[in-house]
N, C-alpha and C. Protein backbone atom coordinates (compact mmCIF):
# COMPACT_ATOMS: atom_id res chain seq x y z
N UNK A 1 0.80 -1.10 0.08
CA UNK A 1 -0.08 -0.09 0.09
C UNK A 1 0.98 0.91 0.64
N UNK A 2 0.57 2.13 -0.64
CA UNK A 2 1.14 3.38 -1.32
C UNK A 2 1.62 4.03 0.12
N UNK A 3 2.14 5.08 0.32
CA UNK A 3 2.52 5.60 2.08
C UNK A 3 1.36 6.77 2.28
N UNK A 4 1.47 7.44 0.87
CA UNK A 4 -0.26 8.78 0.93
C UNK A 4 -1.34 7.80 1.37
N UNK A 5 -1.59 6.63 0.91
CA UNK A 5 -2.94 6.11 1.25
C UNK A 5 -3.16 5.44 2.74
N UNK A 6 -1.72 5.54 3.56
CA UNK A 6 -1.58 4.70 4.32
C UNK A 6 -1.87 5.89 5.54
N UNK A 7 -1.05 7.25 4.95
CA UNK A 7 -1.13 7.98 5.56
C UNK A 7 -2.48 8.75 5.99
N UNK A 8 -3.07 8.92 4.85
CA UNK A 8 -5.00 9.02 4.42
C UNK A 8 -5.78 8.26 5.65
N UNK A 9 -5.33 7.27 5.74
CA UNK A 9 -6.58 6.30 6.59
C UNK A 9 -5.86 6.30 8.20
N UNK A 10 -4.54 6.69 8.27
CA UNK A 10 -4.31 6.87 9.69
C UNK A 10 -5.03 8.35 10.04
N UNK A 11 -4.95 9.22 9.08
CA UNK A 11 -5.78 10.20 9.87
C UNK A 11 -7.27 10.49 10.04
N UNK A 12 -8.14 9.33 8.93
CA UNK A 12 -9.50 9.93 9.01
C UNK A 12 -10.00 8.19 10.54
N UNK A 13 -8.78 7.50 10.51
CA UNK A 13 -8.84 6.61 11.58
C UNK A 13 -8.77 7.87 12.97
N UNK A 14 -7.91 8.45 13.13
CA UNK A 14 -8.01 8.74 14.27
C UNK A 14 -9.03 10.19 14.65
N UNK A 15 -9.49 10.78 13.56
CA UNK A 15 -10.66 12.02 13.54
C UNK A 15 -11.57 10.90 13.60
N UNK A 16 -11.66 9.87 13.92
CA UNK A 16 -13.46 9.55 14.08
C UNK A 16 -12.68 8.67 15.18
N UNK A 17 -11.85 8.23 15.84
CA UNK A 17 -11.62 8.14 17.21
C UNK A 17 -11.64 8.98 18.09
N UNK A 18 -11.47 10.82 17.66
CA UNK A 18 -11.68 12.07 18.31
C UNK A 18 -13.18 12.29 18.25
N UNK A 19 -13.90 12.31 17.50
CA UNK A 19 -15.30 12.37 17.63
C UNK A 19 -15.95 11.43 18.02
N UNK A 20 -15.42 9.97 18.17
CA UNK A 20 -16.49 9.17 18.86
C UNK A 20 -15.98 9.40 20.72
N UNK A 21 -14.98 9.86 20.82
CA UNK A 21 -14.57 10.59 22.32
C UNK A 21 -15.30 11.47 22.60
N UNK A 22 -15.16 12.15 21.92
CA UNK A 22 -16.05 13.56 22.41
C UNK A 22 -17.38 13.45 22.56
N UNK A 23 -17.72 12.29 21.54
CA UNK A 23 -19.74 12.35 21.61
C UNK A 23 -20.01 11.25 23.09
N UNK A 24 -18.95 10.54 23.47
CA UNK A 24 -18.98 9.83 24.41
C UNK A 24 -19.32 10.40 26.07
N UNK A 25 -17.87 11.41 25.66
CA UNK A 25 -17.34 11.92 26.91
C UNK A 25 -18.23 13.11 27.38
N UNK A 26 -18.49 13.30 28.95
CA UNK A 26 -19.29 14.16 29.30
C UNK A 26 -18.90 14.56 30.74
N UNK A 27 -19.68 15.22 31.22
CA UNK A 27 -19.17 16.12 32.27
C UNK A 27 -20.16 15.12 33.44
N UNK A 28 -19.71 15.31 34.77
CA UNK A 28 -20.82 14.21 36.17
C UNK A 28 -21.63 15.75 36.36
N UNK A 29 -23.24 14.89 35.85
CA UNK A 29 -24.44 15.64 36.44
C UNK A 29 -24.75 15.54 37.87
N UNK A 30 -24.23 14.60 38.32
CA UNK A 30 -24.84 14.39 39.83
C UNK A 30 -24.08 14.58 40.88
N UNK A 31 -24.17 14.87 41.89
CA UNK A 31 -23.03 15.78 42.82
C UNK A 31 -22.95 14.05 43.69
N UNK A 32 -21.96 13.57 43.37
CA UNK A 32 -22.08 12.26 44.48
C UNK A 32 -20.37 11.96 44.56
N UNK A 33 -19.53 11.46 45.31
CA UNK A 33 -17.89 10.91 45.01
C UNK A 33 -17.94 9.93 44.40
N UNK A 34 -16.78 9.37 44.16
CA UNK A 34 -16.39 7.86 43.65
C UNK A 34 -16.42 7.37 43.90
N UNK A 35 -17.18 6.97 45.11
CA UNK A 35 -17.53 5.72 46.06
C UNK A 35 -18.53 5.57 45.10
N UNK A 36 -19.32 6.35 44.70
CA UNK A 36 -20.54 5.69 44.00
C UNK A 36 -20.36 5.51 42.56
N UNK A 37 -20.73 4.12 42.14
CA UNK A 37 -20.44 3.64 41.13
C UNK A 37 -20.78 3.93 39.82
N UNK A 38 -20.53 4.21 39.30
CA UNK A 38 -20.85 5.03 37.28
C UNK A 38 -21.06 4.43 36.38
N UNK A 39 -22.20 4.85 35.80
CA UNK A 39 -22.17 4.25 33.74
C UNK A 39 -22.78 5.44 33.26
N UNK A 40 -22.18 5.76 32.34
CA UNK A 40 -22.44 6.99 31.20
C UNK A 40 -22.99 6.31 30.16
N UNK A 41 -23.69 6.50 29.32
CA UNK A 41 -24.60 6.36 27.98
C UNK A 41 -25.29 6.90 27.43
N UNK A 42 -25.00 7.35 25.78
CA UNK A 42 -25.87 8.02 25.30
C UNK A 42 -27.30 7.82 24.64
N UNK A 43 -28.61 8.75 24.31
CA UNK A 43 -29.64 7.96 24.00
C UNK A 43 -29.33 7.95 22.11
N UNK A 44 -29.79 7.21 21.88
CA UNK A 44 -31.28 6.61 22.30
C UNK A 44 -30.29 5.28 22.91
N UNK A 45 -30.69 4.64 24.56
CA UNK A 45 -30.22 4.17 25.36
C UNK A 45 -30.54 2.65 24.57
N UNK A 46 -28.79 1.61 23.93
CA UNK A 46 -28.50 0.75 24.04
C UNK A 46 -29.78 -0.61 23.89
N UNK A 47 -30.03 -0.22 25.32
CA UNK A 47 -31.56 -1.57 25.87
C UNK A 47 -32.84 -1.15 25.49
N UNK A 48 -33.00 0.01 25.23
CA UNK A 48 -34.07 0.65 25.06
C UNK A 48 -34.49 1.96 24.44
N UNK A 49 -34.11 1.24 23.11
CA UNK A 49 -33.89 2.37 22.09
C UNK A 49 -35.39 2.72 21.41
N UNK A 50 -36.57 2.24 22.27
CA UNK A 50 -37.75 2.63 21.70
C UNK A 50 -38.02 4.24 22.91
N UNK A 51 -37.07 4.59 23.86
CA UNK A 51 -37.25 6.12 23.92
C UNK A 51 -36.53 6.70 22.82
N UNK A 52 -37.02 7.54 22.30
CA UNK A 52 -36.46 8.59 21.42
C UNK A 52 -36.31 9.82 21.79
N UNK A 53 -35.17 10.05 22.54
CA UNK A 53 -34.46 10.78 22.65
C UNK A 53 -32.98 11.61 22.43
N UNK A 54 -32.41 12.43 22.62
CA UNK A 54 -30.98 12.38 21.60
C UNK A 54 -30.41 13.17 23.55
N UNK A 55 -29.36 12.57 23.60
CA UNK A 55 -28.53 13.42 24.86
C UNK A 55 -28.02 12.26 25.49
N UNK A 56 -27.76 12.31 26.68
CA UNK A 56 -26.83 11.29 27.78
C UNK A 56 -27.54 10.96 28.97
N UNK A 57 -27.35 9.49 29.27
CA UNK A 57 -27.49 9.25 30.45
C UNK A 57 -26.57 9.04 31.60
N UNK A 58 -26.91 9.37 32.95
CA UNK A 58 -25.30 9.18 33.69
C UNK A 58 -26.24 8.02 34.71
N UNK A 59 -26.00 7.05 35.48
CA UNK A 59 -26.44 6.72 36.64
C UNK A 59 -25.20 5.84 37.51
N UNK A 60 -25.79 6.28 38.94
CA UNK A 60 -24.92 5.98 40.14
C UNK A 60 -25.49 4.88 40.88
N UNK A 61 -24.76 4.50 41.43
CA UNK A 61 -24.93 3.12 42.45
C UNK A 61 -24.22 3.49 43.65
N UNK A 62 -25.36 3.11 44.74
CA UNK A 62 -24.62 3.30 46.14
C UNK A 62 -23.37 2.42 46.06
N UNK A 63 -22.47 2.59 47.14
CA UNK A 63 -21.00 1.89 47.24
C UNK A 63 -21.29 0.59 47.21
N UNK A 64 -22.05 0.41 48.47
CA UNK A 64 -22.20 -1.18 48.55
C UNK A 64 -23.83 -1.68 48.95
N UNK A 65 -24.32 -2.67 48.26
CA UNK A 65 -25.58 -2.68 48.38
C UNK A 65 -26.45 -3.28 47.56
N UNK A 66 -26.05 -2.84 46.24
CA UNK A 66 -27.09 -2.29 44.72
C UNK A 66 -27.62 -3.57 44.53
N UNK A 67 -27.47 -4.76 44.64
CA UNK A 67 -27.46 -6.21 43.93
C UNK A 67 -27.58 -7.23 45.17
N UNK A 68 -27.74 -6.77 46.50
CA UNK A 68 -27.63 -7.70 47.57
C UNK A 68 -29.10 -7.28 48.65
N UNK A 69 -30.02 -8.55 48.17
CA UNK A 69 -31.08 -8.14 48.68
C UNK A 69 -31.65 -8.20 49.87
N UNK A 70 -30.65 -8.17 51.33
CA UNK A 70 -30.74 -8.11 52.53
C UNK A 70 -29.95 -6.68 52.79
N UNK A 71 -29.28 -6.20 51.64
CA UNK A 71 -28.48 -4.68 52.40
C UNK A 71 -29.67 -3.76 52.37
N UNK A 72 -29.24 -2.59 52.89
CA UNK A 72 -30.01 -1.26 52.78
C UNK A 72 -30.98 -0.47 51.55
N UNK A 73 -29.29 -0.72 51.04
CA UNK A 73 -29.43 0.22 49.61
C UNK A 73 -29.82 -0.50 48.52
N UNK A 74 -30.35 -1.88 48.94
CA UNK A 74 -31.18 -3.02 47.73
C UNK A 74 -31.32 -2.30 46.40
N UNK A 75 -30.99 -2.22 45.21
CA UNK A 75 -31.99 -1.42 44.45
C UNK A 75 -32.19 -0.25 44.26
N UNK A 76 -31.34 1.31 45.49
CA UNK A 76 -31.31 2.16 45.57
C UNK A 76 -30.70 2.60 44.86
N UNK A 77 -30.89 3.32 44.12
CA UNK A 77 -29.60 4.73 43.14
C UNK A 77 -30.58 5.47 42.22
N UNK A 78 -29.47 6.15 41.48
CA UNK A 78 -30.27 7.31 41.25
C UNK A 78 -29.63 7.30 39.59
N UNK A 79 -30.33 8.09 38.94
CA UNK A 79 -30.03 8.59 37.57
C UNK A 79 -30.36 9.10 36.85
N UNK A 80 -29.65 10.54 35.97
CA UNK A 80 -30.03 11.56 35.69
C UNK A 80 -29.97 11.28 33.95
N UNK A 81 -31.54 12.49 33.19
CA UNK A 81 -31.44 11.99 31.96
C UNK A 81 -30.79 13.98 31.51
N UNK A 82 -29.96 13.85 30.84
CA UNK A 82 -29.94 14.87 29.98
C UNK A 82 -30.35 15.57 27.98
N UNK A 83 -31.79 15.86 28.29
CA UNK A 83 -32.06 15.13 26.90
C UNK A 83 -32.28 16.68 26.06
N UNK A 84 -32.56 16.70 24.76
CA UNK A 84 -32.73 17.79 23.63
C UNK A 84 -33.97 17.15 23.97
N UNK A 85 -34.96 18.16 24.62
CA UNK A 85 -36.43 18.39 24.59
C UNK A 85 -37.21 19.65 25.22
N UNK A 86 -37.36 20.32 24.20
CA UNK A 86 -37.59 21.66 24.55
C UNK A 86 -39.52 21.63 24.88
N UNK A 87 -40.20 21.19 25.83
CA UNK A 87 -41.27 21.20 26.12
C UNK A 87 -41.10 20.60 27.64
N UNK A 88 -41.61 21.07 28.42
CA UNK A 88 -41.93 20.50 30.03
C UNK A 88 -42.63 19.02 29.54
N UNK A 89 -41.87 18.19 30.34
CA UNK A 89 -42.32 16.54 30.06
C UNK A 89 -43.60 16.45 31.10
N UNK A 90 -44.25 15.72 30.98
CA UNK A 90 -45.65 15.30 31.84
C UNK A 90 -45.59 14.31 32.51
N UNK A 91 -46.07 13.96 33.46
CA UNK A 91 -46.35 12.49 34.27
C UNK A 91 -46.88 11.25 32.97
N UNK A 92 -47.79 11.43 32.51
CA UNK A 92 -48.11 10.42 31.76
C UNK A 92 -46.80 9.94 30.57
N UNK A 93 -45.81 10.90 30.25
CA UNK A 93 -44.60 10.52 29.49
C UNK A 93 -43.56 9.88 30.25
N UNK A 94 -43.35 10.71 31.73
CA UNK A 94 -42.00 9.92 32.36
C UNK A 94 -42.91 8.15 32.67
N UNK A 95 -44.01 8.11 32.96
CA UNK A 95 -44.45 6.95 33.14
C UNK A 95 -44.24 6.01 31.68
N UNK A 96 -44.65 6.44 30.36
CA UNK A 96 -44.06 5.50 29.40
C UNK A 96 -42.98 5.60 29.29
N UNK A 97 -41.96 6.26 29.46
CA UNK A 97 -40.56 6.36 29.48
C UNK A 97 -39.78 5.63 30.20
N UNK A 98 -40.30 4.96 31.67
CA UNK A 98 -39.71 4.05 32.13
C UNK A 98 -40.21 2.68 32.19
N UNK A 99 -41.46 2.59 32.01
CA UNK A 99 -42.02 0.97 31.60
C UNK A 99 -40.99 1.13 30.59
N UNK A 100 -40.98 1.80 29.19
CA UNK A 100 -39.80 1.31 28.30
C UNK A 100 -38.81 0.75 28.47
N UNK A 101 -38.35 1.80 29.40
CA UNK A 101 -36.67 1.37 29.93
C UNK A 101 -36.22 0.33 30.78
N UNK A 102 -37.09 0.54 31.79
CA UNK A 102 -37.44 -1.23 32.62
C UNK A 102 -38.08 -2.09 31.35
N UNK A 103 -38.12 -1.85 30.85
CA UNK A 103 -38.63 -3.33 29.85
C UNK A 103 -37.20 -3.82 29.39
N UNK A 104 -36.47 -2.57 28.74
CA UNK A 104 -35.72 -2.48 28.17
C UNK A 104 -34.17 -3.06 28.87
N UNK A 105 -34.39 -2.75 30.05
CA UNK A 105 -33.03 -3.19 31.13
C UNK A 105 -33.36 -4.62 31.38
N UNK A 106 -34.62 -5.28 31.17
CA UNK A 106 -34.82 -6.57 31.67
C UNK A 106 -35.02 -7.31 30.21
N UNK A 107 -34.90 -6.76 29.07
CA UNK A 107 -35.19 -7.81 27.98
C UNK A 107 -36.11 -8.17 27.55
N UNK A 108 -37.33 -7.21 27.84
CA UNK A 108 -38.73 -7.86 27.66
C UNK A 108 -38.96 -7.95 26.88
N UNK A 109 -39.68 -8.98 25.60
CA UNK A 109 -39.90 -9.36 24.71
C UNK A 109 -41.63 -9.08 24.59
N UNK A 110 -42.08 -8.67 23.47
CA UNK A 110 -43.60 -8.87 23.62
C UNK A 110 -44.37 -10.42 23.66
N UNK A 111 -43.83 -11.45 23.75
CA UNK A 111 -43.89 -12.84 24.14
C UNK A 111 -44.03 -13.11 25.44
N UNK A 112 -43.20 -12.19 26.22
CA UNK A 112 -43.05 -12.23 27.74
C UNK A 112 -44.65 -12.41 28.56
N UNK A 113 -44.16 -12.92 29.51
CA UNK A 113 -45.60 -13.00 30.17
C UNK A 113 -45.45 -11.58 31.05
N UNK A 114 -46.35 -11.28 31.20
CA UNK A 114 -46.96 -10.24 32.39
C UNK A 114 -46.32 -9.82 33.65
N UNK A 115 -45.62 -11.11 33.73
CA UNK A 115 -45.22 -11.01 35.34
C UNK A 115 -43.50 -10.21 35.23
N UNK A 116 -43.28 -10.15 33.92
CA UNK A 116 -41.87 -9.41 33.96
C UNK A 116 -41.99 -7.91 33.26
N UNK A 117 -43.14 -7.64 32.57
CA UNK A 117 -43.09 -6.50 32.11
C UNK A 117 -43.24 -4.98 33.18
N UNK A 118 -42.83 -4.25 32.63
CA UNK A 118 -42.41 -2.80 33.70
C UNK A 118 -44.19 -2.71 33.38
N UNK A 119 -44.67 -1.82 34.78
CA UNK A 119 -45.65 -1.03 34.74
C UNK A 119 -45.57 -0.07 35.91
N UNK A 120 -45.61 1.84 35.00
CA UNK A 120 -45.66 2.57 36.31
C UNK A 120 -46.79 3.18 36.66
N UNK A 121 -46.91 4.23 38.06
CA UNK A 121 -47.57 5.21 37.77
C UNK A 121 -47.18 6.54 38.77
N UNK A 122 -46.75 7.79 37.81
CA UNK A 122 -46.66 8.58 38.21
C UNK A 122 -47.32 9.82 38.05
N UNK A 123 -47.20 10.89 39.77
CA UNK A 123 -47.89 11.85 39.51
C UNK A 123 -47.02 13.23 39.59
N UNK A 124 -47.89 14.46 39.24
CA UNK A 124 -47.08 15.66 39.73
C UNK A 124 -47.43 16.11 40.91
N UNK A 125 -46.40 16.51 42.07
CA UNK A 125 -46.50 17.00 42.98
C UNK A 125 -46.89 18.13 43.30
N UNK A 126 -45.69 18.85 42.71
CA UNK A 126 -45.19 20.28 42.80
C UNK A 126 -44.91 20.87 42.08
N UNK A 127 -44.28 22.13 42.05
CA UNK A 127 -43.67 23.32 40.32
C UNK A 127 -43.04 24.24 41.52
N UNK A 128 -41.60 24.14 41.50
CA UNK A 128 -40.84 25.53 41.74
C UNK A 128 -40.12 25.79 39.84
N UNK A 129 -40.23 27.13 39.93
CA UNK A 129 -39.76 27.69 39.02
C UNK A 129 -39.35 27.20 37.89
N UNK A 130 -38.29 26.49 37.57
CA UNK A 130 -38.10 25.78 36.06
C UNK A 130 -37.61 24.07 36.18
N UNK A 131 -38.38 23.63 37.80
CA UNK A 131 -38.54 22.55 38.08
C UNK A 131 -40.03 22.04 38.48
N UNK A 132 -40.08 20.61 38.02
CA UNK A 132 -41.29 19.92 38.13
C UNK A 132 -41.02 18.72 39.34
N UNK A 133 -41.77 18.47 39.90
CA UNK A 133 -41.80 17.54 40.89
C UNK A 133 -42.74 16.53 40.40
N UNK A 134 -42.04 14.96 40.76
CA UNK A 134 -43.49 13.61 40.40
C UNK A 134 -43.02 13.36 41.43
N UNK A 135 -43.80 11.72 42.07
CA UNK A 135 -43.33 11.21 42.61
C UNK A 135 -44.25 10.07 41.75
N UNK A 136 -43.95 8.44 42.71
CA UNK A 136 -44.80 7.45 41.83
C UNK A 136 -44.10 5.80 42.36
N UNK A 137 -44.29 4.91 41.72
CA UNK A 137 -43.77 3.44 41.63
C UNK A 137 -43.92 3.12 40.45
N UNK A 138 -42.73 2.17 40.70
CA UNK A 138 -42.32 1.03 38.90
C UNK A 138 -42.64 -0.42 39.27
N UNK A 139 -42.95 -0.75 38.73
CA UNK A 139 -43.62 -2.40 39.48
C UNK A 139 -42.58 -3.02 37.98
N UNK A 140 -41.51 -3.83 38.42
CA UNK A 140 -40.57 -4.35 36.86
C UNK A 140 -40.23 -5.63 38.21
N UNK A 141 -39.11 -6.12 37.11
CA UNK A 141 -38.88 -7.16 37.88
C UNK A 141 -37.20 -7.48 37.63
N UNK A 142 -36.83 -8.36 38.62
CA UNK A 142 -35.32 -7.97 38.84
C UNK A 142 -34.73 -9.37 38.60
N UNK A 143 -33.70 -8.60 37.41
CA UNK A 143 -33.23 -9.62 37.00
C UNK A 143 -32.10 -10.26 37.02
N UNK A 144 -31.45 -9.08 38.14
CA UNK A 144 -29.83 -8.96 38.40
C UNK A 144 -29.95 -10.02 39.96
N UNK A 145 -30.77 -10.02 40.76
CA UNK A 145 -30.58 -10.98 41.76
C UNK A 145 -31.40 -12.02 42.53
N UNK A 146 -32.66 -11.25 42.59
CA UNK A 146 -34.17 -11.79 42.62
C UNK A 146 -34.97 -13.54 41.90
N UNK A 147 -35.01 -12.67 40.76
CA UNK A 147 -35.50 -13.02 39.58
C UNK A 147 -36.96 -13.34 40.18
N UNK A 148 -37.58 -12.24 41.01
CA UNK A 148 -38.92 -11.88 41.20
C UNK A 148 -39.12 -10.30 40.56
N UNK A 149 -40.45 -10.08 40.80
CA UNK A 149 -41.08 -8.94 40.87
C UNK A 149 -40.64 -8.35 41.99
N UNK A 150 -40.43 -6.60 41.47
CA UNK A 150 -40.09 -5.69 42.49
C UNK A 150 -41.08 -4.62 42.52
N UNK A 151 -40.78 -4.25 43.53
CA UNK A 151 -42.08 -2.25 43.42
C UNK A 151 -41.01 -1.78 43.71
N UNK A 152 -40.04 -0.31 42.88
CA UNK A 152 -39.73 1.18 43.23
C UNK A 152 -40.43 2.24 43.70
N UNK A 153 -40.19 2.45 44.37
CA UNK A 153 -40.76 3.85 44.48
C UNK A 153 -39.55 4.81 44.30
N UNK A 154 -40.43 5.81 43.71
CA UNK A 154 -39.43 6.95 42.46
C UNK A 154 -39.97 8.45 43.28
N UNK A 155 -38.86 9.20 43.54
CA UNK A 155 -39.31 10.26 43.26
C UNK A 155 -38.48 10.98 42.01
N UNK A 156 -38.59 11.95 41.45
CA UNK A 156 -38.52 12.64 39.52
C UNK A 156 -38.58 14.24 40.05
N UNK A 157 -37.05 14.94 39.71
CA UNK A 157 -36.83 16.28 39.21
C UNK A 157 -37.30 16.40 37.94
N UNK A 158 -37.64 17.32 37.43
CA UNK A 158 -37.56 17.02 36.07
C UNK A 158 -37.39 19.11 36.03
N UNK A 159 -36.20 19.35 35.37
CA UNK A 159 -35.67 20.70 34.88
C UNK A 159 -35.83 20.82 33.47
N UNK A 160 -36.56 22.14 33.33
CA UNK A 160 -36.40 22.40 31.87
C UNK A 160 -35.62 23.78 31.71
N UNK A 161 -34.32 23.85 31.07
CA UNK A 161 -33.45 24.79 30.86
C UNK A 161 -33.91 25.15 29.34
N UNK A 162 -34.96 26.91 29.47
CA UNK A 162 -35.07 27.07 28.55
C UNK A 162 -33.98 27.66 27.27
N UNK A 163 -33.09 28.09 28.45
CA UNK A 163 -31.83 28.84 26.91
C UNK A 163 -31.23 27.89 26.28
N UNK A 164 -30.85 26.66 26.80
CA UNK A 164 -30.54 25.82 25.90
C UNK A 164 -31.62 24.71 25.27
N UNK A 165 -32.76 24.51 25.54
CA UNK A 165 -33.57 24.02 25.44
C UNK A 165 -33.44 22.62 25.19
N UNK A 166 -33.36 22.19 26.64
CA UNK A 166 -33.35 21.19 26.89
C UNK A 166 -33.91 20.70 27.98
N UNK A 167 -33.85 19.57 28.66
CA UNK A 167 -34.33 18.92 30.21
C UNK A 167 -33.48 17.98 30.48
N UNK A 168 -33.43 18.48 31.93
CA UNK A 168 -32.34 16.98 32.37
C UNK A 168 -33.42 16.68 33.76
N UNK A 169 -33.54 15.66 33.78
CA UNK A 169 -34.50 14.80 34.61
C UNK A 169 -33.98 13.69 35.86
N UNK A 170 -33.89 14.10 37.18
CA UNK A 170 -33.05 13.63 38.24
C UNK A 170 -34.01 12.71 38.97
N UNK A 171 -34.07 10.96 38.54
CA UNK A 171 -34.53 10.27 39.22
C UNK A 171 -33.79 9.48 40.05
N UNK A 172 -34.59 9.13 41.36
CA UNK A 172 -34.20 8.31 42.44
C UNK A 172 -35.49 7.37 42.84
N UNK A 173 -34.22 6.26 42.75
CA UNK A 173 -34.74 5.23 43.22
C UNK A 173 -34.58 4.33 44.26
N UNK A 174 -35.52 3.64 44.91
CA UNK A 174 -35.66 2.48 46.12
C UNK A 174 -36.83 1.64 46.57
N UNK A 175 -36.77 0.51 46.64
CA UNK A 175 -38.13 -0.70 46.97
C UNK A 175 -38.48 -0.28 48.47
N UNK A 176 -37.57 1.11 48.84
CA UNK A 176 -37.80 1.17 50.50
C UNK A 176 -39.09 1.96 50.56
N UNK A 177 -39.90 2.12 51.62
CA UNK A 177 -41.05 3.22 51.47
C UNK A 177 -40.36 4.76 51.72
N UNK A 178 -40.60 5.81 51.45
CA UNK A 178 -40.57 7.09 51.18
C UNK A 178 -39.87 7.58 52.72
N UNK A 179 -40.83 6.81 53.69
CA UNK A 179 -39.87 7.15 55.32
C UNK A 179 -38.34 6.30 55.43
N UNK A 180 -38.67 5.23 54.92
CA UNK A 180 -37.14 4.64 55.19
C UNK A 180 -35.85 6.04 54.97
N UNK A 181 -35.00 5.20 56.19
CA UNK A 181 -33.69 6.19 56.46
C UNK A 181 -33.02 5.81 54.87
N UNK A 182 -33.31 5.41 53.81
CA UNK A 182 -32.53 4.99 52.77
C UNK A 182 -32.86 6.28 51.86
N UNK A 183 -33.92 6.95 52.56
CA UNK A 183 -34.26 8.40 51.55
C UNK A 183 -33.75 9.63 52.21
N UNK A 184 -33.27 9.86 53.26
CA UNK A 184 -32.30 10.93 53.73
C UNK A 184 -31.11 10.93 53.14
N UNK A 185 -30.36 9.94 52.53
CA UNK A 185 -29.55 9.89 51.16
C UNK A 185 -29.57 10.34 50.45
N UNK A 186 -30.77 9.42 49.96
CA UNK A 186 -31.44 9.51 48.10
C UNK A 186 -31.90 11.27 48.43
N UNK A 187 -32.55 12.20 48.97
CA UNK A 187 -33.36 12.65 49.20
C UNK A 187 -31.95 14.19 48.93
N UNK A 188 -30.84 13.78 49.74
CA UNK A 188 -29.59 14.78 49.43
C UNK A 188 -28.84 15.15 48.42
N UNK A 189 -29.30 13.71 47.55
CA UNK A 189 -28.70 14.03 46.23
C UNK A 189 -29.17 15.14 45.15
N UNK A 190 -28.44 15.72 44.62
CA UNK A 190 -28.47 16.77 44.01
C UNK A 190 -27.70 16.86 42.76
N UNK A 191 -28.32 17.53 41.90
CA UNK A 191 -27.32 18.03 40.04
C UNK A 191 -26.37 19.00 40.50
N UNK A 192 -25.56 18.74 39.87
CA UNK A 192 -24.20 19.83 39.92
C UNK A 192 -24.78 21.40 39.72
N UNK A 193 -24.18 22.29 40.29
CA UNK A 193 -24.21 23.72 39.87
C UNK A 193 -23.61 23.72 38.36
N UNK A 194 -25.11 24.59 38.03
CA UNK A 194 -24.56 25.08 36.27
C UNK A 194 -24.97 24.00 35.30
N UNK A 195 -25.91 22.53 35.93
CA UNK A 195 -26.50 21.49 34.88
C UNK A 195 -26.82 21.80 33.85
N UNK A 196 -27.74 22.86 33.70
CA UNK A 196 -28.62 23.33 32.25
C UNK A 196 -27.39 23.48 31.26
N UNK A 197 -26.33 23.79 31.68
CA UNK A 197 -25.12 24.46 30.36
C UNK A 197 -24.83 23.37 30.28
N UNK A 198 -24.04 22.12 31.19
CA UNK A 198 -23.21 21.45 31.11
C UNK A 198 -23.39 20.17 29.75
């Protein structure tokens, strides 16, 4: 192969790798230290492509216990979606998105039983400036630890960033009731300052 052709191939390869790293790289959006596990992935989410947004998702897991049924923090975690969505999101849309998300997470197909499919109930509870607060439950399936039905309580903060025309949604989940001490930790979790510009 001629040296010029090799040089062109190498340049194209370098450029494509640079573009890929820029697209997948994102700043932390949740104020948590490094002891919390982290996963970042782009939309459309690989396992839930029926959620048609563009943007990124950041999942944060507690330091211990997420997959241990006896642990206080079993299935208790938080994640954020930063998406190009220039409308205020509704409870109905969150319900549909969460059902698609958890069905994707559990690899639920049309021929699966109802026992494996997710069902969510979400209601708007408050609004303050650019933030709308929701609360509800997601009934889903735990294929990671127990292989049983699982009821997750959820708190949601949806922030509409008018200047950047995007929506940043912070989710907090736990099978524990809202009065349980695990929510003392989850309720303190916040987004970073300037998240609308990130």
